Amino acid sequence: MLAKRIIPCLDVKDGRTVKGVNFVNLRDAGDPVELAWQYSREGADELVFLDITATHERRKTTVDLVKSVARQVNIPFTIGGGINELADADVLLHSGADKISINSAAVRNPQLIDQMANAFGIQFVVVAVDTRRVNGKNYVHLNGGRLKTDVETEDWIKEAESRGAGEILLTSMDHDGTKNGFDCVLLDKVNRGLSIPLIASGGAGNISHFVDVFQQGHADAALAASVFHYGEILIPDLKAELRKNGIEVR
């Protein structure tokens, strides 16, 4: 059994790390370069950098900032935001990315997943899915959660895997920033039909939520932001508690 991974997430807007609740009401959470350095040394297994307004603002990911962050870390580094074609991914790969996260562009052009998997390998391609429950069903949302689609979340995840996604990063918009726990019911349901790793995102508030997401949601990795950024949970303490609960971590 593979060790579970702990992944801090840097949601970046205008060069600063930010965090909100349910994708709105953003507040400052610090310098992404300093936070990356800190997490790399605290024992984070990976780091995710999301340029959260790049797609909505119709621009590319901020490459200079990506390079600055990449220089600070010695762990796998995933970058997302504003990636619409192979050339965008290629630039980021050469700027220090180990993986690329695609979200809105993949839904609009599913063949982008095939193209990236063929060009760079499936281990390079993370498909991020922002989901919200509407009238009893989970639907994919685009442009940083601003735009609801008619695509059902579970159907899209299956298609993404079939096209060559190496991992799924699933964010529950209903749980995001609430600190009430991950959506373990949805995660468990999705994971049953999936043969690639599932990264859980949205809702971490205390250490017990991480225990739950691995034991009940059966996620392969847990991603969180504010609890790490504001020092509410320290990664060494989190890993020690997970080990006490019989969860294998690095």
Protein backbone atom coordinates (compact mmCIF):
# COMPACT_ATOMS: atom_id res chain seq x y z
CA MET A 1 0.00 0.00 0.00
CA LEU A 2 1.34 3.41 -0.95
CA ALA A 3 1.97 5.95 1.80
CA LYS A 4 -0.63 8.70 2.05
CA ARG A 5 0.51 12.16 0.97
CA ILE A 6 0.06 15.55 2.65
CA ILE A 7 -0.05 18.41 0.15
CA PRO A 8 -0.19 22.12 1.03
CA CYS A 9 -1.83 24.24 -1.66
CA LEU A 10 -0.81 27.77 -2.62
CA ASP A 11 -3.82 29.53 -4.15
CA VAL A 12 -2.15 32.56 -5.72
CA LYS A 13 -3.73 35.84 -6.82
CA ASP A 14 -1.77 38.98 -7.75
CA GLY A 15 1.45 37.40 -6.50
CA ARG A 16 0.13 36.58 -3.01
CA THR A 17 -1.20 33.42 -1.42
CA VAL A 18 -4.91 33.83 -0.64
CA LYS A 19 -7.66 31.75 0.94
CA GLY A 20 -11.43 32.08 0.98
CA VAL A 21 -14.58 30.18 1.92
CA ASN A 22 -16.55 28.34 -0.79
CA PHE A 23 -14.21 30.00 -3.35
CA VAL A 24 -15.14 33.59 -2.35
CA ASN A 25 -14.18 36.25 0.25
CA LEU A 26 -10.44 35.82 -0.33
CA ARG A 27 -7.96 37.02 2.29
CA ASP A 28 -4.19 37.24 2.27
CA ALA A 29 -2.26 34.22 3.55
CA GLY A 30 1.33 35.21 2.85
CA ASP A 31 4.21 35.14 0.37
CA PRO A 32 4.04 31.98 -1.78
CA VAL A 33 7.83 31.77 -2.05
CA GLU A 34 8.30 31.88 1.72
CA LEU A 35 5.47 29.39 2.31
CA ALA A 36 6.90 26.99 -0.27
CA TRP A 37 10.28 27.07 1.47
CA GLN A 38 8.62 26.44 4.83
CA TYR A 39 6.50 23.50 3.68
CA SER A 40 9.35 21.84 1.83
CA ARG A 41 11.34 21.79 5.06
CA GLU A 42 8.45 20.81 7.34
CA GLY A 43 7.93 17.50 5.59
CA ALA A 44 5.20 18.16 3.02
CA ASP A 45 5.14 15.39 0.41
CA GLU A 46 4.23 17.64 -2.50
CA LEU A 47 3.26 21.23 -3.19
CA VAL A 48 0.46 22.54 -5.42
CA PHE A 49 0.53 26.06 -6.87
CA LEU A 50 -2.74 27.30 -8.40
CA ASP A 51 -2.94 30.64 -10.18
CA ILE A 52 -6.62 30.88 -9.29
CA THR A 53 -7.65 33.82 -11.49
CA ALA A 54 -5.59 33.02 -14.61
CA THR A 55 -8.43 31.27 -16.45
CA HIS A 56 -11.06 33.82 -15.44
CA GLU A 57 -8.76 36.67 -16.47
CA ARG A 58 -7.87 34.84 -19.69
CA ARG A 59 -4.14 34.91 -19.13
CA LYS A 60 -1.26 32.49 -18.63
CA THR A 61 0.16 31.34 -15.30
CA THR A 62 2.68 33.77 -13.79
CA VAL A 63 5.90 32.05 -14.86
CA ASP A 64 8.39 34.22 -12.95
CA LEU A 65 6.65 33.50 -9.67
CA VAL A 66 6.53 29.78 -10.50
CA LYS A 67 10.30 29.80 -11.05
CA SER A 68 10.86 31.55 -7.72
CA VAL A 69 8.77 28.97 -5.88
CA ALA A 70 10.38 26.03 -7.70
CA ARG A 71 13.80 27.15 -6.53
CA GLN A 72 12.66 26.82 -2.91
CA VAL A 73 11.35 23.25 -2.98
CA ASN A 74 12.86 19.78 -3.19
CA ILE A 75 9.53 17.95 -3.36
CA PRO A 76 7.19 17.29 -6.33
CA PHE A 77 5.66 20.55 -7.50
CA THR A 78 2.31 20.77 -9.33
CA ILE A 79 1.21 23.93 -11.13
CA GLY A 80 -2.26 24.89 -12.37
CA GLY A 81 -4.14 27.89 -13.73
CA GLY A 82 -4.46 29.27 -17.25
CA ILE A 83 -3.06 26.18 -18.98
CA ASN A 84 -4.87 25.82 -22.29
CA GLU A 85 -2.45 24.07 -24.65
CA LEU A 86 0.66 21.92 -24.81
CA ALA A 87 2.92 24.96 -25.15
CA ASP A 88 1.69 26.32 -21.80
CA ALA A 89 2.53 23.05 -20.08
CA ASP A 90 5.93 22.89 -21.76
CA VAL A 91 6.83 26.36 -20.47
CA LEU A 92 5.86 25.43 -16.92
CA LEU A 93 7.71 22.12 -17.10
CA HIS A 94 10.85 24.05 -17.96
CA SER A 95 10.10 26.54 -15.17
CA GLY A 96 10.26 23.85 -12.49
CA ALA A 97 6.94 22.00 -12.56
CA ASP A 98 6.92 18.24 -11.98
CA LYS A 99 3.22 17.99 -12.81
CA ILE A 100 0.57 20.13 -14.46
CA SER A 101 -2.96 20.59 -13.15
CA ILE A 102 -5.63 21.29 -15.75
CA ASN A 103 -9.24 22.05 -14.94
CA SER A 104 -11.48 24.34 -17.03
CA ALA A 105 -9.48 23.87 -20.24
CA ALA A 106 -9.79 20.08 -19.98
CA VAL A 107 -13.58 20.23 -19.65
CA ARG A 108 -13.83 22.58 -22.64
CA ASN A 109 -11.38 20.49 -24.68
CA PRO A 110 -11.12 16.94 -23.30
CA GLN A 111 -8.57 15.99 -25.95
CA LEU A 112 -6.10 18.21 -24.10
CA ILE A 113 -5.77 15.41 -21.53
CA ASP A 114 -4.88 12.89 -24.27
CA GLN A 115 -2.39 15.32 -25.81
CA MET A 116 -0.63 16.04 -22.54
CA ALA A 117 -0.51 12.40 -21.51
CA ASN A 118 0.97 11.46 -24.89
CA ALA A 119 3.48 14.32 -24.87
CA PHE A 120 4.66 14.21 -21.28
CA GLY A 121 3.40 10.93 -19.74
CA ILE A 122 0.35 10.32 -17.57
CA GLN A 123 2.34 10.92 -14.36
CA PHE A 124 2.62 14.56 -15.47
CA VAL A 125 -1.14 15.16 -15.84
CA VAL A 126 -3.33 16.03 -12.85
CA VAL A 127 -6.95 16.76 -13.71
CA ALA A 128 -8.46 19.10 -11.12
CA VAL A 129 -12.22 18.97 -10.65
CA ASP A 130 -14.19 21.65 -8.78
CA THR A 131 -17.53 20.14 -7.81
CA ARG A 132 -20.67 21.48 -6.18
CA ARG A 133 -23.89 19.70 -5.26
CA VAL A 134 -26.95 21.11 -7.04
CA ASN A 135 -30.41 19.57 -6.62
CA GLY A 136 -28.95 16.34 -5.29
CA LYS A 137 -26.30 15.85 -7.98
CA ASN A 138 -22.62 16.83 -8.17
CA TYR A 139 -21.71 19.05 -11.12
CA VAL A 140 -18.36 20.25 -12.45
CA HIS A 141 -17.75 24.00 -12.14
CA LEU A 142 -15.28 26.05 -14.21
CA ASN A 143 -13.37 29.36 -14.02
CA GLY A 144 -12.45 29.05 -10.36
CA GLY A 145 -15.91 27.77 -9.48
CA ARG A 146 -17.75 30.68 -11.10
CA LEU A 147 -19.43 28.73 -13.88
CA LYS A 148 -21.65 25.67 -13.43
CA THR A 149 -21.67 23.10 -16.23
CA ASP A 150 -24.15 20.34 -17.02
CA VAL A 151 -21.36 17.78 -16.66
CA GLU A 152 -21.84 15.40 -13.73
CA THR A 153 -18.71 15.08 -11.64
CA GLU A 154 -18.41 11.30 -11.55
CA ASP A 155 -18.94 10.98 -15.31
CA TRP A 156 -16.24 13.55 -15.98
CA ILE A 157 -13.73 11.91 -13.64
CA LYS A 158 -14.20 8.57 -15.41
CA GLU A 159 -13.65 10.21 -18.79
CA ALA A 160 -10.57 12.07 -17.54
CA GLU A 161 -9.04 8.81 -16.33
CA SER A 162 -9.80 7.08 -19.64
CA ARG A 163 -8.09 9.90 -21.54
CA GLY A 164 -4.85 9.65 -19.60
CA ALA A 165 -5.13 11.61 -16.37
CA GLY A 166 -2.51 10.39 -13.89
CA GLU A 167 -4.29 11.77 -10.83
CA ILE A 168 -7.57 13.46 -9.92
CA LEU A 169 -7.59 16.49 -7.61
CA LEU A 170 -11.19 16.71 -6.39
CA THR A 171 -12.26 19.89 -4.60
CA SER A 172 -15.65 20.03 -2.93
CA MET A 173 -16.78 23.64 -3.28
CA ASP A 174 -19.45 23.01 -0.64
CA HIS A 175 -16.76 22.10 1.90
CA ASP A 176 -13.96 24.42 0.74
CA GLY A 177 -12.74 26.79 3.45
CA THR A 178 -15.46 25.75 5.90
CA LYS A 179 -13.08 23.72 8.12
CA ASN A 180 -15.93 21.26 8.73
CA GLY A 181 -14.15 18.28 7.19
CA PHE A 182 -13.65 16.78 3.74
CA ASP A 183 -16.57 15.40 1.70
CA CYS A 184 -15.72 11.80 2.62
CA VAL A 185 -18.97 10.38 1.23
CA LEU A 186 -18.30 11.79 -2.25
CA LEU A 187 -14.60 10.89 -2.12
CA ASP A 188 -15.31 7.29 -1.17
CA LYS A 189 -17.92 7.01 -3.92
CA VAL A 190 -15.58 8.44 -6.56
CA ASN A 191 -12.62 6.36 -5.42
CA ARG A 192 -14.53 3.09 -5.79
CA GLY A 193 -14.64 3.58 -9.56
CA LEU A 194 -11.11 4.94 -9.93
CA SER A 195 -7.80 3.18 -10.52
CA ILE A 196 -5.57 6.29 -10.38
CA PRO A 197 -4.72 8.31 -7.23
CA LEU A 198 -7.37 10.61 -5.79
CA ILE A 199 -6.33 13.83 -4.04
CA ALA A 200 -8.95 15.20 -1.64
CA SER A 201 -9.41 18.95 -1.29
CA GLY A 202 -11.83 21.20 0.54
CA GLY A 203 -12.80 21.31 4.19
CA ALA A 204 -9.77 20.52 6.36
CA GLY A 205 -10.12 22.13 9.78
CA ASN A 206 -8.32 19.85 12.25
CA ILE A 207 -6.15 16.76 12.36
CA SER A 208 -9.11 14.39 12.79
CA HIS A 209 -10.42 15.49 9.39
CA PHE A 210 -7.25 14.13 7.80
CA VAL A 211 -7.70 10.82 9.65
CA ASP A 212 -11.27 10.68 8.33
CA VAL A 213 -10.34 11.49 4.73
CA PHE A 214 -7.95 8.54 4.61
CA GLN A 215 -9.99 6.05 6.65
CA GLN A 216 -13.49 6.97 5.42
CA GLY A 217 -12.91 8.81 2.14
CA HIS A 218 -10.11 6.43 1.10
CA ALA A 219 -8.22 9.27 -0.57
CA ASP A 220 -4.61 8.74 -1.61
CA ALA A 221 -3.57 12.27 -0.67
CA ALA A 222 -5.06 15.20 1.23
CA LEU A 223 -4.62 18.79 0.14
CA ALA A 224 -5.21 21.78 2.40
CA ALA A 225 -4.42 25.46 2.54
CA SER A 226 -5.51 27.74 5.38
CA VAL A 227 -4.86 25.29 8.23
CA PHE A 228 -1.24 25.18 7.09
CA HIS A 229 -0.87 28.83 6.04
CA TYR A 230 -2.10 30.19 9.38
CA GLY A 231 -0.19 27.65 11.48
CA GLU A 232 -3.29 25.89 12.81
CA ILE A 233 -1.83 22.50 11.89
CA LEU A 234 1.89 21.76 11.65
CA ILE A 235 2.80 19.05 9.16
CA PRO A 236 5.11 17.10 11.55
CA ASP A 237 2.30 16.99 14.17
CA LEU A 238 -0.20 15.91 11.54
CA LYS A 239 1.98 13.06 10.30
CA ALA A 240 2.68 11.88 13.84
CA GLU A 241 -1.07 11.70 14.57
CA LEU A 242 -1.78 9.89 11.31
CA ARG A 243 0.85 7.27 12.23
CA LYS A 244 -0.81 6.82 15.64
CA ASN A 245 -4.03 6.03 13.77
CA GLY A 246 -2.32 3.35 11.67
CA ILE A 247 -2.14 5.48 8.52
CA GLU A 248 1.12 5.09 6.64
CA VAL A 249 2.79 8.39 5.74
CA ARG A 250 6.24 9.29 4.48
